[in-house]
C-alpha cells in the first residue's frame, strides 16, 4: 500500500508582511498531483495543519480544498493535530468525515487511535498519536512512572494494544531523536525545540516494532535513527534558516511485513525563499538579479546605513522580507554590551547610547526625533521610571 507523508503545513502563515495563500495553495495542489501520479491510496498528515490555534477563514478554506481534492481522487487522509493546532477546531466534524475516508485524531484519550485497512498483503494498522504532553498521558495512567515526554509516549504505546507481528504505521507529532543524535533543526520549530532541553525529547526506540513512523514537528525532511522513522518536513520554507535548502514530498510503499521503501519527490514552490548578502550596488547590478518574484532576505555589507534600503530593494525584488546589516560596526559590537545599559536613563539617552555602540557615531537630531515619535506611538515615555 502506498502513502504520501506530509506534515507542518502551517496554513495561514505569513512571511514577514507577505500573505502565503497562493504559495500554500500551489504546494497543496502539487501534493495532490504527486499522490495521484504515484498511486498513493492515502495521505498521512503529521500535525501542525494550521499555523495558529484559531485559523483564519482563508486557512480553513485551503485545508478544505485539499481534503476535497483528495476525496475526489478516492485518496484517504489520516490526520493528527500538532502543537500549533487547536484540537477542538481541527477535530470538528471528524465523525462525519470518516464516511469520505478522512480520519482525524485530536487529543489523547487514553489509547492511540487505530484504523485498519486491507491490501493484498493482508491487514495494515494505522495508528494516530496527536501531539501529547506528559501530563496528558499521566492523567490516564497515574500509577505509571511518567517523568518526561519519552516515558509518556512509551506508556501510551505500551497500553494501546499494538500487535507488532502485524504491519503497523504510526503518525506522530513530537521531537524525536535517534541514537542520542538530535535531528537537523530547521524553520520555526528550531528555537522552541532547543529551549526545552531534554524534557521534550523522545527516543526513536519508543517506536521500535512499527513498520513506518510518519513524524511531524521538525521542518527538515530526514530520517531519525532508522530509514523508516522519518520527518516529512514542511512543504514550504518558512524561515531564513531554510534558505538554500530543498523541500520534498515523502512517498512510502508498505509491502509485506518488514518491507518498506521510501522515495523523496522534490517540491518546487511558487516563490522560493533566498538569502542575498553583499554590497547593495553588487546585489542590484543588472547581471545579478535573478528570479525577482522570490522572497528575499538581505544582509548588506555596506559600511554606511543606506536610506530607504528596503524601498530600493523592493523596486527589483518586490517580495523583500527583511534587510539587515553586517559590517565593521555590527561585527565589532559585543552583543552583550548592547543590552548592558543602565535602566535609570531616558529613552533618548538609551537609544543614543545604543546607536553609538552599533554604528560608532552619534545619532542625528532628525533620527532621534523619528525614534521618539515612534516610541510615543507605541506608548513609551521619554522619562525614566
Protein backbone atom coordinates (compact mmCIF):
# COMPACT_ATOMS: atom_id res chain seq x y z
CA UNK A 1 0.00 0.00 0.00
CA UNK A 2 1.32 3.45 -0.95
CA UNK A 3 1.15 6.58 1.19
CA UNK A 4 2.10 10.22 0.86
CA UNK A 5 3.54 11.51 4.15
CA UNK A 6 3.28 15.28 4.74
CA UNK A 7 3.46 17.49 7.83
CA UNK A 8 3.78 21.04 9.13
CA UNK A 9 1.59 22.71 6.51
CA UNK A 10 1.19 25.75 8.78
CA UNK A 11 -1.74 27.01 6.73
CA UNK A 12 -2.42 30.68 7.34
CA UNK A 13 1.21 31.53 8.00
CA UNK A 14 2.73 34.78 6.77
CA UNK A 15 6.31 35.52 5.79
CA UNK A 16 7.01 38.93 7.25
CA UNK A 17 4.19 41.07 5.90
CA UNK A 18 3.54 38.79 2.94
CA UNK A 19 0.48 36.56 2.68
CA UNK A 20 1.25 32.97 1.60
CA UNK A 21 -2.23 31.91 0.46
CA UNK A 22 -1.26 31.47 -3.20
CA UNK A 23 2.02 29.76 -2.29
CA UNK A 24 0.29 27.30 0.05
CA UNK A 25 -2.48 26.57 -2.45
CA UNK A 26 0.13 25.91 -5.12
CA UNK A 27 2.02 23.43 -2.94
CA UNK A 28 -1.15 21.66 -1.74
CA UNK A 29 -2.26 21.22 -5.36
CA UNK A 30 1.19 19.85 -6.16
CA UNK A 31 0.96 17.36 -3.29
CA UNK A 32 -2.33 16.05 -4.65
CA UNK A 33 -0.76 15.69 -8.10
CA UNK A 34 2.17 13.74 -6.67
CA UNK A 35 -0.13 11.46 -4.68
CA UNK A 36 -2.16 10.68 -7.79
CA UNK A 37 0.90 10.18 -10.01
CA UNK A 38 2.50 7.78 -7.53
CA UNK A 39 -0.69 5.82 -6.95
CA UNK A 40 -0.90 6.71 -3.26
CA UNK A 41 -4.01 5.36 -1.59
CA UNK A 42 -3.77 7.59 1.47
CA UNK A 43 -2.10 10.75 2.76
CA UNK A 44 -0.63 10.88 6.28
CA UNK A 45 -0.75 14.43 7.72
CA UNK A 46 1.52 14.51 10.79
CA UNK A 47 0.29 17.64 12.56
CA UNK A 48 0.57 21.42 12.50
CA UNK A 49 -2.07 21.68 9.82
CA UNK A 50 -2.61 25.31 10.81
CA UNK A 51 -0.12 27.93 11.94
CA UNK A 52 -2.40 29.25 14.68
CA UNK A 53 -4.79 27.55 17.07
CA UNK A 54 -7.56 29.82 15.73
CA UNK A 55 -7.07 29.55 11.96
CA UNK A 56 -8.29 32.21 9.58
CA UNK A 57 -11.15 31.58 7.17
CA UNK A 58 -8.63 31.56 4.33
CA UNK A 59 -6.51 28.90 6.07
CA UNK A 60 -9.57 26.72 6.74
CA UNK A 61 -10.61 27.11 3.09
CA UNK A 62 -7.18 25.92 1.95
CA UNK A 63 -7.38 22.75 4.03
CA UNK A 64 -10.98 22.16 2.98
CA UNK A 65 -9.94 22.37 -0.68
CA UNK A 66 -7.04 19.98 -0.08
CA UNK A 67 -9.29 17.36 1.56
CA UNK A 68 -11.92 17.71 -1.15
CA UNK A 69 -9.30 17.24 -3.87
CA UNK A 70 -8.10 14.05 -2.16
CA UNK A 71 -11.65 12.73 -1.73
CA UNK A 72 -12.39 13.34 -5.42
CA UNK A 73 -9.41 11.12 -6.27
CA UNK A 74 -10.53 8.45 -3.76
CA UNK A 75 -7.44 9.06 -1.63
CA UNK A 76 -7.95 8.68 2.12
CA UNK A 77 -6.43 11.05 4.67
CA UNK A 78 -5.17 10.26 8.19
CA UNK A 79 -4.63 13.46 10.17
CA UNK A 80 -3.37 14.31 13.66
CA UNK A 81 -3.14 17.61 15.50
CA UNK A 82 0.23 19.23 16.21
CA UNK A 83 1.29 21.69 18.88
CA UNK A 84 0.14 24.62 16.70
CA UNK A 85 -3.36 23.19 16.19
CA UNK A 86 -6.48 23.52 18.30
CA UNK A 87 -7.78 20.01 18.98
CA UNK A 88 -11.39 21.18 19.00
CA UNK A 89 -11.20 23.18 15.79
CA UNK A 90 -9.20 20.66 13.78
CA UNK A 91 -11.36 17.81 15.01
CA UNK A 92 -14.70 19.49 14.25
CA UNK A 93 -16.86 17.26 12.04
CA UNK A 94 -14.40 14.36 12.21
CA UNK A 95 -17.22 11.87 12.78
CA UNK A 96 -18.90 12.87 9.52
CA UNK A 97 -15.60 12.98 7.62
CA UNK A 98 -14.97 9.27 8.17
CA UNK A 99 -17.62 8.39 5.57
CA UNK A 100 -15.41 10.13 3.00
CA UNK A 101 -12.22 8.43 4.08
CA UNK A 102 -10.92 11.31 6.23
CA UNK A 103 -9.76 10.25 9.70
CA UNK A 104 -8.77 12.90 12.24
CA UNK A 105 -7.31 12.31 15.70
CA UNK A 106 -7.01 15.25 18.10
CA UNK A 107 -6.28 14.91 21.79
CA UNK A 108 -5.12 11.81 23.66
CA UNK A 109 -7.95 9.71 25.07
CA UNK A 110 -6.00 7.04 26.91
CA UNK A 111 -5.12 4.90 23.90
CA UNK A 112 -3.73 5.64 20.46
CA UNK A 113 -6.47 5.69 17.82
CA UNK A 114 -6.24 2.83 15.33
CA UNK A 115 -7.68 2.38 11.85
CA UNK A 116 -7.26 -0.88 9.94
CA UNK A 117 -7.16 -1.29 6.17
CA UNK A 118 -6.65 -4.29 3.91
CA UNK A 119 -4.42 -4.75 0.89
CA UNK A 120 -3.05 -7.77 -1.00
CA UNK A 121 -0.63 -8.44 1.89
CA UNK A 122 -3.41 -8.52 4.48
CA UNK A 123 -4.19 -6.26 7.42
CA UNK A 124 -2.41 -2.93 7.95
CA UNK A 125 -2.94 -0.86 11.09
CA UNK A 126 -2.63 2.93 11.02
CA UNK A 127 -2.13 4.46 14.49
CA UNK A 128 -2.76 8.17 15.06
CA UNK A 129 -0.98 9.82 18.01
CA UNK A 130 -1.59 13.60 18.14
CA UNK A 131 0.85 15.90 19.92
CA UNK A 132 0.81 14.85 23.55
CA UNK A 133 2.37 16.12 26.77
CA UNK A 134 3.46 14.03 29.72
CA UNK A 135 0.66 15.47 31.89
CA UNK A 136 -1.99 14.32 29.41
CA UNK A 137 -0.78 10.71 29.50
CA UNK A 138 -0.26 10.76 33.27
CA UNK A 139 -3.96 11.59 33.69
CA UNK A 140 -4.91 8.16 32.30
CA UNK A 141 -2.04 6.23 33.92
CA UNK A 142 -1.49 7.84 37.35
CA UNK A 143 0.43 4.82 38.65
CA UNK A 144 2.90 4.74 35.75
CA UNK A 145 6.32 6.31 36.16
CA UNK A 146 5.90 9.19 33.72
CA UNK A 147 8.57 11.84 34.23
CA UNK A 148 9.03 13.27 30.75
CA UNK A 149 7.76 13.13 27.17
CA UNK A 150 9.75 9.98 26.42
CA UNK A 151 8.20 7.95 29.24
CA UNK A 152 4.77 9.40 28.37
CA UNK A 153 4.88 8.29 24.74
CA UNK A 154 6.35 4.92 25.71
CA UNK A 155 3.45 4.40 28.16
CA UNK A 156 0.90 5.37 25.50
CA UNK A 157 2.35 2.88 23.02
CA UNK A 158 2.60 0.06 25.57
CA UNK A 159 -1.03 0.47 26.65
CA UNK A 160 -2.63 0.70 23.20
CA UNK A 161 -2.57 -3.00 22.34
CA UNK A 162 -0.21 -2.84 19.36
CA UNK A 163 0.41 -6.28 17.85
CA UNK A 164 3.88 -5.96 16.37
CA UNK A 165 3.56 -9.24 14.49
CA UNK A 166 1.20 -7.33 12.19
CA UNK A 167 2.05 -4.42 9.93
CA UNK A 168 1.77 -1.10 11.76
CA UNK A 169 2.18 2.54 10.78
CA UNK A 170 2.32 5.30 13.40
CA UNK A 171 1.63 9.01 12.73
CA UNK A 172 3.02 11.27 15.48
CA UNK A 173 3.99 14.88 16.15
CA UNK A 174 6.88 15.03 18.65
CA UNK A 175 10.56 15.92 18.98
CA UNK A 176 12.12 12.53 18.23
CA UNK A 177 15.86 11.82 18.38
CA UNK A 178 17.73 8.77 17.14
CA UNK A 179 20.62 7.06 18.92
CA UNK A 180 21.25 10.17 21.03
CA UNK A 181 21.60 12.37 17.94
CA UNK A 182 19.22 15.31 17.54
CA UNK A 183 17.54 15.78 14.16
CA UNK A 184 18.65 18.60 11.89
CA UNK A 185 16.56 21.54 13.02
CA UNK A 186 15.01 23.87 10.52
CA UNK A 187 12.34 26.53 10.37
CA UNK A 188 10.06 27.87 13.04
CA UNK A 189 10.39 24.93 15.42
CA UNK A 190 14.15 25.15 15.91
CA UNK A 191 14.24 27.85 18.59
CA UNK A 192 11.48 26.34 20.72
CA UNK A 193 12.93 22.84 20.45
CA UNK A 194 16.38 23.96 21.58
CA UNK A 195 14.96 25.86 24.54
CA UNK A 196 13.27 22.89 26.20
CA UNK A 197 16.44 20.83 26.67
CA UNK A 198 15.91 17.09 27.15
CA UNK A 199 12.40 17.15 28.64
CA UNK A 200 10.62 17.13 25.27
CA UNK A 201 12.95 14.69 23.54
CA UNK A 202 11.68 11.24 22.66
CA UNK A 203 13.93 8.37 21.64
CA UNK A 204 13.11 6.73 18.34
CA UNK A 205 13.43 3.42 20.21
CA UNK A 206 9.94 4.11 21.62
CA UNK A 207 8.70 3.24 18.15
CA UNK A 208 10.65 0.03 17.64
CA UNK A 209 8.36 -2.51 16.02
CA UNK A 210 6.40 -0.06 13.89
CA UNK A 211 6.98 -0.65 10.20
CA UNK A 212 6.90 3.06 9.43
CA UNK A 213 6.69 6.16 11.66
CA UNK A 214 5.39 9.34 10.00
CA UNK A 215 6.64 12.29 12.03
CA UNK A 216 5.84 15.98 12.13
CA UNK A 217 7.28 18.89 14.17
CA UNK A 218 10.73 19.42 12.60
CA UNK A 219 10.71 21.30 9.29
CA UNK A 220 13.62 19.48 7.60
CA UNK A 221 12.86 16.20 5.82
CA UNK A 222 15.07 13.44 7.29
CA UNK A 223 15.23 10.04 8.87
CA UNK A 224 15.62 9.65 12.64
CA UNK A 225 17.51 6.61 13.91
CA UNK A 226 16.46 4.42 11.01
CA UNK A 227 15.22 4.87 7.45
CA UNK A 228 11.59 4.16 8.31
CA UNK A 229 11.28 6.71 11.13
CA UNK A 230 11.04 9.99 9.26
CA UNK A 231 10.16 13.66 9.39
CA UNK A 232 8.40 14.79 6.24
CA UNK A 233 9.44 18.40 6.89
CA UNK A 234 7.34 21.41 5.94
CA UNK A 235 6.42 21.64 2.23
CA UNK A 236 7.44 25.32 2.11
CA UNK A 237 10.32 27.35 3.55
CA UNK A 238 9.07 29.42 6.45
CA UNK A 239 12.27 31.00 7.79
CA UNK A 240 15.66 32.36 6.81
CA UNK A 241 17.37 29.25 8.19
CA UNK A 242 15.76 27.22 5.39
CA UNK A 243 17.07 29.37 2.52
CA UNK A 244 19.24 27.32 0.20
CA UNK A 245 17.64 24.03 1.22
CA UNK A 246 15.18 21.79 -0.62
CA UNK A 247 11.68 20.61 0.25
CA UNK A 248 10.30 17.18 -0.53
CA UNK A 249 7.18 15.07 -0.65
CA UNK A 250 7.78 11.75 1.15
CA UNK A 251 6.35 8.72 -0.66
CA UNK A 252 6.08 5.47 1.30
CA UNK A 253 5.40 2.00 -0.09
CA UNK A 254 4.49 -0.60 2.55
CA UNK A 255 4.72 -4.14 1.25
CA UNK A 256 4.69 -7.35 3.22
CA UNK A 257 5.83 -7.30 6.86
CA UNK A 258 9.30 -5.78 7.10
CA UNK A 259 9.33 -4.48 3.53
CA UNK A 260 9.02 -0.67 3.39
CA UNK A 261 10.54 1.64 0.80
CA UNK A 262 10.77 5.44 0.89
CA UNK A 263 11.14 7.87 -2.01
CA UNK A 264 11.58 11.67 -1.84
CA UNK A 265 9.99 13.80 -4.56
CA UNK A 266 11.40 17.37 -4.78
CA UNK A 267 8.85 20.15 -4.38
CA UNK A 268 9.06 23.35 -6.42
CA UNK A 269 7.43 26.36 -4.72
CA UNK A 270 5.52 29.11 -6.44
CA UNK A 271 8.08 31.54 -5.00
CA UNK A 272 11.34 30.38 -3.47
CA UNK A 273 12.95 31.89 -0.37
CA UNK A 274 16.53 33.14 -0.82
CA UNK A 275 19.22 34.94 1.16
CA UNK A 276 21.33 37.60 -0.57
CA UNK A 277 24.47 39.01 1.04
CA UNK A 278 26.80 41.76 -0.18
CA UNK A 279 27.00 45.45 -1.01
CA UNK A 280 23.81 46.99 -2.33
CA UNK A 281 25.46 48.03 -5.62
CA UNK A 282 26.64 44.45 -6.21
CA UNK A 283 23.34 42.79 -5.34
CA UNK A 284 21.33 45.12 -7.56
CA UNK A 285 23.68 45.04 -10.52
CA UNK A 286 21.63 44.16 -13.59
CA UNK A 287 23.51 40.90 -14.21
CA UNK A 288 23.00 39.76 -10.59
CA UNK A 289 19.21 39.98 -10.45
CA UNK A 290 17.54 36.57 -10.82
CA UNK A 291 14.04 35.28 -10.00
CA UNK A 292 12.79 38.69 -8.85
CA UNK A 293 9.47 37.27 -7.55
CA UNK A 294 11.17 35.14 -4.88
CA UNK A 295 11.02 36.02 -1.19
CA UNK A 296 14.29 37.72 -0.33
CA UNK A 297 16.19 38.16 2.93
CA UNK A 298 19.05 40.63 2.53
CA UNK A 299 22.25 41.12 4.50
CA UNK A 300 24.00 44.32 3.40
CA UNK A 301 27.73 44.65 3.99
CA UNK A 302 27.85 48.38 3.18
CA UNK A 303 29.63 50.36 5.90
CA UNK A 304 27.11 53.20 5.77
CA UNK A 305 23.40 52.84 6.51
CA UNK A 306 21.51 53.26 3.24
CA UNK A 307 18.45 55.45 3.41
CA UNK A 308 15.27 53.55 2.45
CA UNK A 309 17.20 50.39 1.53
CA UNK A 310 14.03 48.31 1.71
CA UNK A 311 12.30 50.64 -0.74
CA UNK A 312 15.23 50.45 -3.16
CA UNK A 313 15.34 46.65 -2.97
CA UNK A 314 11.59 46.34 -3.49
CA UNK A 315 11.95 48.06 -6.87
CA UNK A 316 13.91 45.00 -8.01
CA UNK A 317 12.64 42.33 -5.60
CA UNK A 318 9.05 43.26 -4.66
CA UNK A 319 8.90 40.42 -2.11
CA UNK A 320 11.84 41.55 0.01
CA UNK A 321 11.06 40.32 3.52
CA UNK A 322 13.81 41.90 5.60
CA UNK A 323 17.11 43.77 5.40
CA UNK A 324 19.90 43.51 7.97
CA UNK A 325 23.47 44.82 8.11
CA UNK A 326 26.75 43.02 8.63
CA UNK A 327 29.74 45.37 8.65
CA UNK A 328 32.60 46.54 10.86
CA UNK A 329 30.14 48.28 13.18
CA UNK A 330 27.89 45.28 13.78
CA UNK A 331 30.71 42.70 13.79
CA UNK A 332 32.75 44.80 16.20
CA UNK A 333 29.95 45.12 18.71
CA UNK A 334 29.78 42.77 21.65
CA UNK A 335 26.15 41.67 21.59
CA UNK A 336 26.09 41.53 25.37
CA UNK A 337 27.21 45.14 25.73
CA UNK A 338 24.32 46.48 23.69
CA UNK A 339 21.92 45.44 26.41
CA UNK A 340 24.20 46.29 29.30
CA UNK A 341 22.73 49.77 29.63
CA UNK A 342 21.65 51.38 32.88
CA UNK A 343 17.89 51.28 33.39
CA UNK A 344 17.64 54.72 35.00
CA UNK A 345 18.09 56.61 31.72
CA UNK A 346 15.54 58.31 29.49
CA UNK A 347 14.51 56.76 26.20
CA UNK A 348 16.54 59.42 24.35
CA UNK A 349 19.64 58.52 26.32
CA UNK A 350 19.12 54.79 25.84
CA UNK A 351 18.56 54.99 22.09
CA UNK A 352 21.51 57.38 21.66
CA UNK A 353 23.82 55.01 23.50
CA UNK A 354 22.53 52.03 21.57
CA UNK A 355 23.05 53.85 18.25
CA UNK A 356 26.59 54.86 19.23
CA UNK A 357 27.56 51.29 20.16
CA UNK A 358 26.18 49.81 16.94
CA UNK A 359 27.27 52.43 14.40
CA UNK A 360 30.20 54.12 16.14
CA UNK A 361 28.79 57.63 15.71
CA UNK A 362 26.24 59.92 17.29
CA UNK A 363 22.58 59.76 16.29
CA UNK A 364 21.37 62.84 14.41
CA UNK A 365 18.63 65.11 15.73
CA UNK A 366 16.35 64.09 12.85
CA UNK A 367 16.87 60.38 13.53
CA UNK A 368 16.35 60.83 17.26
CA UNK A 369 13.15 62.78 16.64
CA UNK A 370 11.87 59.98 14.40
CA UNK A 371 12.66 57.35 17.06
CA UNK A 372 10.94 59.38 19.78
CA UNK A 373 7.81 59.77 17.65
CA UNK A 374 7.73 56.02 17.03
CA UNK A 375 8.20 55.38 20.75
CA UNK A 376 5.38 57.78 21.59
CA UNK A 377 3.02 55.92 19.23
CA UNK A 378 3.99 52.70 20.99
CA UNK A 379 3.20 54.25 24.38
CA UNK A 380 6.83 54.57 25.54
CA UNK A 381 7.61 57.63 27.61
CA UNK A 382 10.85 59.62 27.32
CA UNK A 383 11.05 59.84 31.10
CA UNK A 384 12.78 57.39 33.42
CA UNK A 385 10.60 55.07 35.52
